[in-house]
């Protein structure tokens, strides 16, 4: 069974940066799509960014220009560099993987990101 583990969340002040990491273990082949979603209390989960194994990326509008997704395919690891963080970025950030070129199949447990004003 493939397992995703996130790390890198924490408490920062507005304008500061964080870098999230997510590593997939138990995979014997390259994962087609890995990405990040987030969910704040009382709100729906929303897509942040994702990247295919070939490097193709997709960003939500709020992430463009501030967040950068990257992958190390050899390590089955995906990163999310978050710059110029805002209080509205406060949420639990989840790593996800699409193992079969379809929908996300598995999710990590999430890592809390809190941005203070």
Protein backbone atom coordinates (compact mmCIF):
# COMPACT_ATOMS: atom_id res chain seq x y z
CA UNK A 1 0.00 0.00 0.00
CA UNK A 2 1.28 3.44 -0.90
CA UNK A 3 1.47 5.90 1.97
CA UNK A 4 1.93 9.66 1.87
CA UNK A 5 3.57 11.60 4.67
CA UNK A 6 3.65 15.40 4.77
CA UNK A 7 5.98 17.63 6.71
CA UNK A 8 6.99 21.27 6.90
CA UNK A 9 3.90 22.95 8.29
CA UNK A 10 4.05 25.39 11.14
CA UNK A 11 3.29 28.83 12.46
CA UNK A 12 4.63 31.85 10.60
CA UNK A 13 3.90 35.54 10.31
CA UNK A 14 2.33 37.12 7.26
CA UNK A 15 4.88 37.65 4.52
CA UNK A 16 7.07 34.75 5.56
CA UNK A 17 7.62 31.44 3.78
CA UNK A 18 7.24 27.73 4.33
CA UNK A 19 8.23 24.71 2.32
CA UNK A 20 6.09 21.62 2.55
CA UNK A 21 7.32 18.16 1.63
CA UNK A 22 5.45 14.96 0.91
CA UNK A 23 7.04 11.59 0.34
CA UNK A 24 5.28 8.52 -1.03
CA UNK A 25 6.48 5.21 0.32
CA UNK A 26 5.66 1.74 -0.86
CA UNK A 27 5.51 2.65 -4.55
CA UNK A 28 7.35 0.57 -7.11
CA UNK A 29 6.70 2.86 -10.06
CA UNK A 30 6.56 6.55 -10.84
CA UNK A 31 3.41 8.25 -9.60
CA UNK A 32 1.53 9.97 -12.45
CA UNK A 33 0.27 13.00 -10.52
CA UNK A 34 1.12 14.39 -7.12
CA UNK A 35 -0.35 17.52 -5.66
CA UNK A 36 -1.49 19.62 -2.76
CA UNK A 37 -4.92 20.61 -1.53
CA UNK A 38 -5.95 22.55 1.54
CA UNK A 39 -8.92 22.88 3.83
CA UNK A 40 -9.74 25.59 6.31
CA UNK A 41 -12.36 25.09 9.06
CA UNK A 42 -15.86 25.48 7.69
CA UNK A 43 -14.69 25.56 4.09
CA UNK A 44 -14.51 23.05 1.28
CA UNK A 45 -11.25 21.41 0.40
CA UNK A 46 -9.64 23.20 -2.51
CA UNK A 47 -6.86 22.39 -4.91
CA UNK A 48 -3.63 24.30 -4.46
CA UNK A 49 -1.35 22.86 -7.12
CA UNK A 50 -0.35 19.62 -8.78
CA UNK A 51 2.36 18.29 -11.02
CA UNK A 52 2.56 15.39 -13.40
CA UNK A 53 5.61 13.19 -13.55
CA UNK A 54 6.57 14.91 -16.82
CA UNK A 55 6.69 18.30 -15.09
CA UNK A 56 3.33 19.70 -16.20
CA UNK A 57 1.90 21.91 -13.46
CA UNK A 58 -1.43 23.40 -12.52
CA UNK A 59 -2.08 26.11 -9.95
CA UNK A 60 -5.15 27.60 -8.38
CA UNK A 61 -5.43 31.34 -8.90
CA UNK A 62 -4.60 32.18 -5.31
CA UNK A 63 -1.37 30.21 -5.57
CA UNK A 64 -0.03 31.69 -8.80
CA UNK A 65 2.96 33.92 -8.28
CA UNK A 66 3.39 32.92 -4.64
CA UNK A 67 3.51 29.13 -4.49
CA UNK A 68 5.72 26.78 -6.47
CA UNK A 69 5.27 23.03 -6.76
CA UNK A 70 8.17 20.75 -7.60
CA UNK A 71 8.93 17.05 -7.65
CA UNK A 72 11.81 14.70 -7.23
CA UNK A 73 10.56 11.67 -9.12
CA UNK A 74 13.44 9.47 -8.02
CA UNK A 75 12.40 10.01 -4.41
CA UNK A 76 8.65 10.11 -5.09
CA UNK A 77 8.59 13.39 -3.24
CA UNK A 78 6.60 16.52 -3.99
CA UNK A 79 7.27 19.95 -2.52
CA UNK A 80 5.28 23.12 -2.13
CA UNK A 81 7.25 26.30 -1.66
CA UNK A 82 4.93 28.94 -0.22
CA UNK A 83 6.11 32.54 -0.23
CA UNK A 84 4.43 35.76 0.84
CA UNK A 85 2.04 33.85 3.05
CA UNK A 86 -1.20 35.51 4.08
CA UNK A 87 -3.52 34.82 7.01
CA UNK A 88 -6.07 33.46 4.55
CA UNK A 89 -3.59 30.72 3.65
CA UNK A 90 -4.16 29.22 7.08
CA UNK A 91 -5.41 25.68 6.57
CA UNK A 92 -4.53 22.03 6.79
CA UNK A 93 -2.53 21.18 3.71
CA UNK A 94 -2.92 17.69 2.29
CA UNK A 95 -0.70 15.85 -0.09
CA UNK A 96 -2.41 13.62 -2.63
CA UNK A 97 -1.44 11.18 -5.34
CA UNK A 98 -3.14 9.92 -8.48
CA UNK A 99 -1.76 6.45 -9.03
CA UNK A 100 -3.71 5.50 -12.16
CA UNK A 101 -4.03 8.61 -14.34
CA UNK A 102 -7.48 9.32 -13.00
CA UNK A 103 -8.58 10.91 -9.74
CA UNK A 104 -6.61 11.23 -6.55
CA UNK A 105 -6.41 7.79 -4.96
CA UNK A 106 -4.66 8.43 -1.67
CA UNK A 107 -4.18 11.30 0.73
CA UNK A 108 -1.77 12.14 3.47
CA UNK A 109 -2.83 13.01 6.99
CA UNK A 110 -2.25 16.71 6.46
CA UNK A 111 0.04 19.30 7.93
CA UNK A 112 -1.18 22.46 9.63
CA UNK A 113 -0.12 25.83 8.25
CA UNK A 114 -0.99 28.83 10.38
CA UNK A 115 -0.22 32.37 9.25
CA UNK A 116 -0.59 35.11 11.82
CA UNK A 117 -1.20 38.76 11.06
